[in-house]
């Protein structure tokens, strides 16, 4: 997927929220074998496990395509917005913790902290990009007013990504349409609705129609809206399955039907 800054990113990422230690390591290894890329955060306390899994995969026999560090897209996030100096040091700690030399995508994890902390922290992201510690900067859980505030501050670098909870049961069209108007890619976390709607009649019916799993249907819905979904799993079979969505597409009428089940279901 092309970004507004001229760089690109893969369109499916593995979320490693609420995993740790060997579980994180193993899930990341399986994901890399399916060309899925990795979404971590300071608050997840698994940056080190994620980075170690990436480096060991690259050096392993499992790396049959001869991938290099620059072929792996790795994301992390700032735990809390604060004064510039604290945010800048926190970014440097994240780079050191993952051991990958740089971070492909770094996000402000939330809009908490107030306007000054948000804008100071964004300036720290800009400087980290300038210094080569980060390739791409973005935000997470930002509403329209937070995005507008950042745009109005006339930043040196615009956020390329906004990661928010988006799925058919919580479409957040206010945020997604604003992002698309401003060339900000929407990353959809909890795209599988944390398994709370896998037995919904429309999900079940359309899964049968397209001969796919409910999870594959939900991932496909995200992709067809132009989002970057982050399906989370620590199960090898499901990690492989969730990335295997190239064999079908949802027709327009069924996309409209899925859009229509929105109930503002916030799972996080």
Protein backbone atom coordinates (compact mmCIF):
# COMPACT_ATOMS: atom_id res chain seq x y z
CA UNK A 1 0.00 0.00 0.00
CA UNK A 2 1.46 3.39 -1.06
CA UNK A 3 1.70 6.07 1.62
CA UNK A 4 1.52 9.84 1.27
CA UNK A 5 5.27 10.15 2.00
CA UNK A 6 6.23 7.99 -0.99
CA UNK A 7 7.03 4.90 1.08
CA UNK A 8 4.90 1.76 1.18
CA UNK A 9 3.76 -0.81 3.72
CA UNK A 10 2.29 -4.33 3.67
CA UNK A 11 -1.49 -4.57 3.90
CA UNK A 12 -1.85 -7.22 6.62
CA UNK A 13 -0.05 -7.09 9.98
CA UNK A 14 -0.09 -9.39 12.99
CA UNK A 15 -1.16 -7.68 16.20
CA UNK A 16 0.81 -8.95 19.23
CA UNK A 17 -1.27 -7.19 21.89
CA UNK A 18 -1.63 -9.30 25.07
CA UNK A 19 1.06 -11.78 24.08
CA UNK A 20 4.44 -12.14 25.75
CA UNK A 21 7.66 -14.10 25.83
CA UNK A 22 7.76 -17.30 23.78
CA UNK A 23 4.15 -16.84 22.65
CA UNK A 24 5.04 -13.52 20.99
CA UNK A 25 8.25 -14.95 19.55
CA UNK A 26 6.51 -17.98 18.02
CA UNK A 27 3.58 -15.98 16.63
CA UNK A 28 5.96 -13.52 14.95
CA UNK A 29 7.98 -16.34 13.39
CA UNK A 30 4.83 -17.93 11.95
CA UNK A 31 3.58 -14.58 10.69
CA UNK A 32 6.83 -13.79 8.88
CA UNK A 33 6.62 -17.10 7.03
CA UNK A 34 3.24 -15.99 5.60
CA UNK A 35 4.47 -12.49 4.66
CA UNK A 36 2.41 -10.97 7.45
CA UNK A 37 4.20 -8.12 9.23
CA UNK A 38 4.34 -7.15 12.90
CA UNK A 39 2.51 -4.56 15.05
CA UNK A 40 3.93 -4.11 18.58
CA UNK A 41 4.01 -1.27 21.14
CA UNK A 42 5.86 -0.10 24.24
CA UNK A 43 2.73 -0.87 26.28
CA UNK A 44 2.68 -4.48 25.06
CA UNK A 45 6.08 -5.17 26.69
CA UNK A 46 7.09 -7.45 23.83
CA UNK A 47 9.24 -5.25 21.59
CA UNK A 48 12.32 -7.31 22.48
CA UNK A 49 10.59 -10.64 21.77
CA UNK A 50 9.25 -9.33 18.45
CA UNK A 51 12.63 -7.99 17.35
CA UNK A 52 14.44 -11.17 18.35
CA UNK A 53 11.98 -13.28 16.36
CA UNK A 54 12.47 -11.08 13.28
CA UNK A 55 16.28 -11.21 13.46
CA UNK A 56 16.38 -14.97 14.04
CA UNK A 57 13.90 -15.56 11.22
CA UNK A 58 16.08 -13.55 8.81
CA UNK A 59 19.11 -15.68 9.75
CA UNK A 60 17.22 -19.00 9.60
CA UNK A 61 16.63 -21.67 6.96
CA UNK A 62 12.95 -20.68 7.11
CA UNK A 63 13.84 -17.46 5.29
CA UNK A 64 13.56 -19.20 1.93
CA UNK A 65 13.10 -15.93 0.02
CA UNK A 66 16.37 -14.46 1.28
CA UNK A 67 14.61 -11.54 2.95
CA UNK A 68 16.64 -8.76 4.57
CA UNK A 69 15.83 -6.34 7.38
CA UNK A 70 14.46 -3.79 4.91
CA UNK A 71 11.90 -6.35 3.69
CA UNK A 72 10.30 -6.64 7.15
CA UNK A 73 7.82 -3.99 8.28
CA UNK A 74 7.82 -3.52 12.06
CA UNK A 75 5.58 -1.13 14.02
CA UNK A 76 5.78 0.15 17.59
CA UNK A 77 4.03 2.89 19.56
CA UNK A 78 4.75 5.52 22.20
CA UNK A 79 3.24 4.47 25.53
CA UNK A 80 2.23 7.96 26.66
CA UNK A 81 2.46 11.49 25.27
CA UNK A 82 4.65 13.84 27.27
CA UNK A 83 7.19 16.66 26.96
CA UNK A 84 9.44 16.55 23.90
CA UNK A 85 12.57 15.27 25.67
CA UNK A 86 10.79 12.33 27.32
CA UNK A 87 9.10 11.30 24.09
CA UNK A 88 12.36 11.54 22.15
CA UNK A 89 14.16 9.31 24.68
CA UNK A 90 11.28 6.83 24.71
CA UNK A 91 11.54 6.43 20.93
CA UNK A 92 15.27 5.79 21.21
CA UNK A 93 14.59 3.14 23.87
CA UNK A 94 12.14 1.41 21.56
CA UNK A 95 14.69 1.27 18.76
CA UNK A 96 17.25 -0.21 21.16
CA UNK A 97 14.74 -2.65 22.68
CA UNK A 98 13.69 -4.23 19.38
CA UNK A 99 17.30 -4.46 18.19
CA UNK A 100 16.35 -3.90 14.54
CA UNK A 101 18.36 -0.72 13.96
CA UNK A 102 15.27 1.33 13.14
CA UNK A 103 11.48 1.11 13.34
CA UNK A 104 9.48 1.13 10.11
CA UNK A 105 6.31 2.69 11.55
CA UNK A 106 6.08 4.47 14.91
CA UNK A 107 2.77 5.72 16.27
CA UNK A 108 1.59 7.92 19.11
CA UNK A 109 -0.48 5.24 20.85
CA UNK A 110 -3.30 7.55 22.00
CA UNK A 111 -4.33 11.19 22.19
CA UNK A 112 -4.06 11.24 26.00
CA UNK A 113 -2.08 13.96 27.73
CA UNK A 114 -3.52 17.15 26.26
CA UNK A 115 -2.70 19.30 23.26
CA UNK A 116 0.86 20.29 24.27
CA UNK A 117 1.88 16.69 25.01
CA UNK A 118 0.38 15.52 21.70
CA UNK A 119 2.18 18.14 19.63
CA UNK A 120 5.48 17.81 21.55
CA UNK A 121 5.41 14.05 21.10
CA UNK A 122 4.69 14.43 17.40
CA UNK A 123 7.70 16.75 17.09
CA UNK A 124 9.78 13.97 18.69
CA UNK A 125 8.51 11.56 16.01
CA UNK A 126 9.45 14.03 13.27
CA UNK A 127 12.98 14.39 14.66
CA UNK A 128 13.35 10.61 14.99
CA UNK A 129 12.43 10.31 11.31
CA UNK A 130 15.01 12.99 10.47
CA UNK A 131 17.63 11.08 12.48
CA UNK A 132 16.87 7.73 10.78
CA UNK A 133 15.41 5.99 13.83
CA UNK A 134 11.94 5.82 12.26
CA UNK A 135 10.90 5.49 8.62
CA UNK A 136 7.20 6.42 8.92
CA UNK A 137 5.27 8.34 11.59
CA UNK A 138 1.64 8.00 12.51
CA UNK A 139 -0.94 8.10 15.29
CA UNK A 140 -3.36 5.68 16.95
CA UNK A 141 -6.81 6.11 18.48
CA UNK A 142 -6.98 9.67 17.13
CA UNK A 143 -10.43 11.12 16.52
CA UNK A 144 -11.19 13.80 13.95
CA UNK A 145 -10.51 16.67 16.36
CA UNK A 146 -7.09 15.27 17.29
CA UNK A 147 -6.17 14.82 13.63
CA UNK A 148 -7.39 18.34 12.79
CA UNK A 149 -5.39 19.77 15.69
CA UNK A 150 -2.22 18.13 14.34
CA UNK A 151 -2.90 19.32 10.80
CA UNK A 152 -3.59 22.87 12.04
CA UNK A 153 -0.22 22.91 13.82
CA UNK A 154 1.38 22.74 10.35
CA UNK A 155 3.75 19.85 11.16
CA UNK A 156 6.95 19.32 9.20
CA UNK A 157 5.74 15.77 8.52
CA UNK A 158 2.09 14.73 8.26
CA UNK A 159 0.99 11.50 9.95
CA UNK A 160 0.86 8.75 7.33
CA UNK A 161 -1.28 6.35 9.39
CA UNK A 162 -4.07 6.39 11.99
CA UNK A 163 -4.62 3.06 13.75
CA UNK A 164 -8.15 2.75 15.16
CA UNK A 165 -10.68 0.03 15.94
CA UNK A 166 -12.58 -0.55 12.70
CA UNK A 167 -14.73 -3.50 11.58
CA UNK A 168 -18.26 -3.92 10.17
CA UNK A 169 -19.76 -3.63 13.65
CA UNK A 170 -17.91 -0.35 14.33
CA UNK A 171 -17.23 1.37 11.01
CA UNK A 172 -16.19 4.80 12.36
CA UNK A 173 -16.92 6.44 9.03
CA UNK A 174 -16.38 9.88 10.59
CA UNK A 175 -12.73 9.03 11.22
CA UNK A 176 -12.09 6.85 8.16
CA UNK A 177 -13.52 9.39 5.71
CA UNK A 178 -11.49 12.21 7.29
CA UNK A 179 -8.33 10.09 7.02
CA UNK A 180 -8.99 9.24 3.38
CA UNK A 181 -9.59 12.93 2.57
CA UNK A 182 -6.15 13.74 4.03
CA UNK A 183 -4.20 10.77 2.59
CA UNK A 184 -3.87 9.11 6.00
CA UNK A 185 -3.97 5.30 5.83
CA UNK A 186 -6.40 3.65 8.24
CA UNK A 187 -4.97 0.69 10.14
CA UNK A 188 -7.84 -1.40 11.50
CA UNK A 189 -7.19 -3.03 14.85
CA UNK A 190 -9.59 -5.65 16.22
CA UNK A 191 -10.69 -6.36 12.61
CA UNK A 192 -12.01 -9.75 13.78
CA UNK A 193 -14.23 -8.00 16.39
CA UNK A 194 -12.28 -10.01 19.02
CA UNK A 195 -14.39 -13.02 17.94
CA UNK A 196 -17.55 -11.46 19.41
CA UNK A 197 -19.55 -11.60 16.16
CA UNK A 198 -18.26 -14.72 14.39
CA UNK A 199 -21.76 -16.29 14.66
CA UNK A 200 -23.65 -13.23 13.46
CA UNK A 201 -26.14 -14.43 10.79
CA UNK A 202 -24.73 -12.16 8.06
CA UNK A 203 -21.13 -13.17 8.81
CA UNK A 204 -22.10 -16.86 8.79
CA UNK A 205 -24.17 -16.54 5.61
CA UNK A 206 -21.51 -14.63 3.64
CA UNK A 207 -18.72 -16.92 4.85
CA UNK A 208 -20.63 -19.84 3.34
CA UNK A 209 -21.30 -17.91 0.13
CA UNK A 210 -17.59 -17.10 -0.38
CA UNK A 211 -16.34 -20.46 0.99
CA UNK A 212 -14.14 -18.72 3.55
CA UNK A 213 -13.88 -18.52 7.33
CA UNK A 214 -15.63 -15.68 9.19
CA UNK A 215 -12.17 -14.26 9.99
CA UNK A 216 -11.15 -14.28 6.32
CA UNK A 217 -14.41 -12.51 5.43
CA UNK A 218 -13.73 -9.77 8.00
CA UNK A 219 -10.11 -9.31 6.86
CA UNK A 220 -11.29 -9.12 3.24
CA UNK A 221 -13.87 -6.45 4.18
CA UNK A 222 -11.05 -4.32 5.67
CA UNK A 223 -8.85 -4.71 2.61
CA UNK A 224 -11.63 -3.78 0.20
CA UNK A 225 -12.19 -0.56 2.13
CA UNK A 226 -8.49 0.21 1.67
CA UNK A 227 -7.62 -0.36 5.33
CA UNK A 228 -4.62 -2.23 6.79
CA UNK A 229 -6.12 -4.88 9.10
CA UNK A 230 -4.23 -6.23 12.14
CA UNK A 231 -5.75 -9.66 12.81
CA UNK A 232 -4.41 -10.99 16.12
CA UNK A 233 -3.76 -14.66 16.80
CA UNK A 234 -1.15 -16.82 18.51
CA UNK A 235 -2.34 -19.95 16.65
CA UNK A 236 -0.26 -21.00 13.63
CA UNK A 237 -3.21 -22.24 11.60
CA UNK A 238 -5.20 -19.07 12.14
CA UNK A 239 -2.23 -16.80 11.41
CA UNK A 240 -1.79 -18.56 8.05
CA UNK A 241 -5.54 -18.57 7.39
CA UNK A 242 -6.01 -14.88 8.21
CA UNK A 243 -3.40 -13.92 5.63
CA UNK A 244 -4.81 -16.20 2.92
CA UNK A 245 -7.51 -13.93 1.52
CA UNK A 246 -6.39 -13.51 -2.08
CA UNK A 247 -8.74 -16.08 -3.59
CA UNK A 248 -12.00 -14.15 -3.42
CA UNK A 249 -13.51 -10.68 -3.28
CA UNK A 250 -16.77 -9.51 -1.72
CA UNK A 251 -19.21 -8.02 -4.22
CA UNK A 252 -20.54 -4.48 -3.77
CA UNK A 253 -23.98 -5.52 -2.56
CA UNK A 254 -22.50 -7.75 0.14
CA UNK A 255 -20.03 -5.03 1.18
CA UNK A 256 -23.03 -2.72 1.66
CA UNK A 257 -24.78 -5.41 3.69
CA UNK A 258 -21.72 -5.77 5.94
CA UNK A 259 -21.44 -1.99 6.30
CA UNK A 260 -25.04 -2.01 7.47
CA UNK A 261 -24.44 -4.12 10.60
CA UNK A 262 -22.65 -1.21 12.33
CA UNK A 263 -23.70 -1.03 15.99
CA UNK A 264 -20.80 1.13 17.33
CA UNK A 265 -19.41 -1.96 19.06
CA UNK A 266 -16.21 -0.92 20.85
CA UNK A 267 -14.32 -4.05 21.91
CA UNK A 268 -11.17 -2.44 23.30
